[in-house]
Amino acid sequence: MEIKINIGLRIKALRESTNMAQKDLAYIADLDRSYIAGVESGQRNISIVNIEKIATALGVSIKEFFNDISFNEKKEI
């Protein structure tokens, strides 16, 4: 699976596990709601700075954010 999709799905899963709406996540992370929607759908590239903003808004560390099975898949180059 493509990394943009993995990151988007992880954000969505964490957000939904806290019953947070996209607009609330966007407000807390100081990002636009449409940007959050684009990232969650895997259509937007996201910087590490914005990953940190979102992780902080969701109450998880960067380590916790990437500590998910979807990021442990081996990729052949």
Protein backbone atom coordinates (compact mmCIF):
# COMPACT_ATOMS: atom_id res chain seq x y z
CA MET A 1 0.00 0.00 0.00
CA GLU A 2 1.21 3.48 -0.79
CA ILE A 3 2.62 5.52 2.12
CA LYS A 4 0.15 8.41 1.59
CA ILE A 5 -2.75 6.00 1.98
CA ASN A 6 -1.17 4.36 5.06
CA ILE A 7 -0.68 7.73 6.74
CA GLY A 8 -4.20 8.85 5.87
CA LEU A 9 -5.75 5.67 7.20
CA ARG A 10 -3.70 5.94 10.40
CA ILE A 11 -4.83 9.53 10.98
CA LYS A 12 -8.44 8.59 10.33
CA ALA A 13 -8.27 5.59 12.67
CA LEU A 14 -6.71 7.62 15.48
CA ARG A 15 -9.18 10.46 14.95
CA GLU A 16 -12.19 8.15 14.95
CA SER A 17 -10.92 6.29 18.04
CA THR A 18 -11.26 9.57 19.95
CA ASN A 19 -14.62 10.44 18.34
CA MET A 20 -13.09 13.59 16.89
CA ALA A 21 -14.54 15.23 13.77
CA GLN A 22 -12.24 16.34 10.95
CA LYS A 23 -13.10 19.97 11.66
CA ASP A 24 -12.08 19.58 15.30
CA LEU A 25 -8.78 17.92 14.39
CA ALA A 26 -8.13 20.67 11.85
CA TYR A 27 -8.82 23.36 14.44
CA ILE A 28 -6.59 21.82 17.13
CA ALA A 29 -3.77 21.11 14.65
CA ASP A 30 -4.12 24.57 13.07
CA LEU A 31 -4.74 23.09 9.60
CA ASP A 32 -7.59 23.40 7.11
CA ARG A 33 -10.38 20.80 7.27
CA SER A 34 -10.14 20.18 3.53
CA TYR A 35 -6.42 19.48 3.96
CA ILE A 36 -7.21 16.88 6.66
CA ALA A 37 -9.79 15.28 4.34
CA GLY A 38 -7.26 15.16 1.50
CA VAL A 39 -4.61 13.58 3.70
CA GLU A 40 -7.02 11.01 5.13
CA SER A 41 -8.06 9.99 1.62
CA GLY A 42 -4.42 9.63 0.52
CA GLN A 43 -4.72 12.37 -2.08
CA ARG A 44 -2.45 14.93 -0.40
CA ASN A 45 1.23 14.77 0.43
CA ILE A 46 1.87 15.57 4.07
CA SER A 47 5.01 17.01 5.58
CA ILE A 48 6.60 15.64 8.72
CA VAL A 49 5.81 18.99 10.35
CA ASN A 50 2.09 18.47 9.70
CA ILE A 51 2.29 14.84 10.83
CA GLU A 52 3.69 16.14 14.12
CA LYS A 53 0.89 18.75 14.41
CA ILE A 54 -1.75 16.08 13.79
CA ALA A 55 -0.15 13.53 16.12
CA THR A 56 0.03 16.14 18.87
CA ALA A 57 -3.60 17.12 18.28
CA LEU A 58 -4.55 13.44 18.55
CA GLY A 59 -2.54 13.02 21.76
CA VAL A 60 0.06 10.60 20.41
CA SER A 61 3.81 10.86 19.90
CA ILE A 62 5.42 10.48 16.48
CA LYS A 63 6.70 7.08 17.64
CA GLU A 64 3.17 6.00 18.58
CA PHE A 65 1.82 7.36 15.32
CA PHE A 66 4.16 5.20 13.24
CA ASN A 67 3.91 2.21 15.60
CA ASP A 68 1.24 0.52 13.50
CA ILE A 69 1.27 -2.68 11.49
CA SER A 70 0.67 -0.78 8.25
CA PHE A 71 4.12 0.82 8.59
CA ASN A 72 5.88 -2.48 9.30
CA GLU A 73 5.35 -4.00 5.86
CA LYS A 74 8.53 -4.84 4.03
CA LYS A 75 8.84 -3.07 0.71
CA GLU A 76 10.93 -4.32 -2.17
CA ILE A 77 12.75 -1.63 -4.12
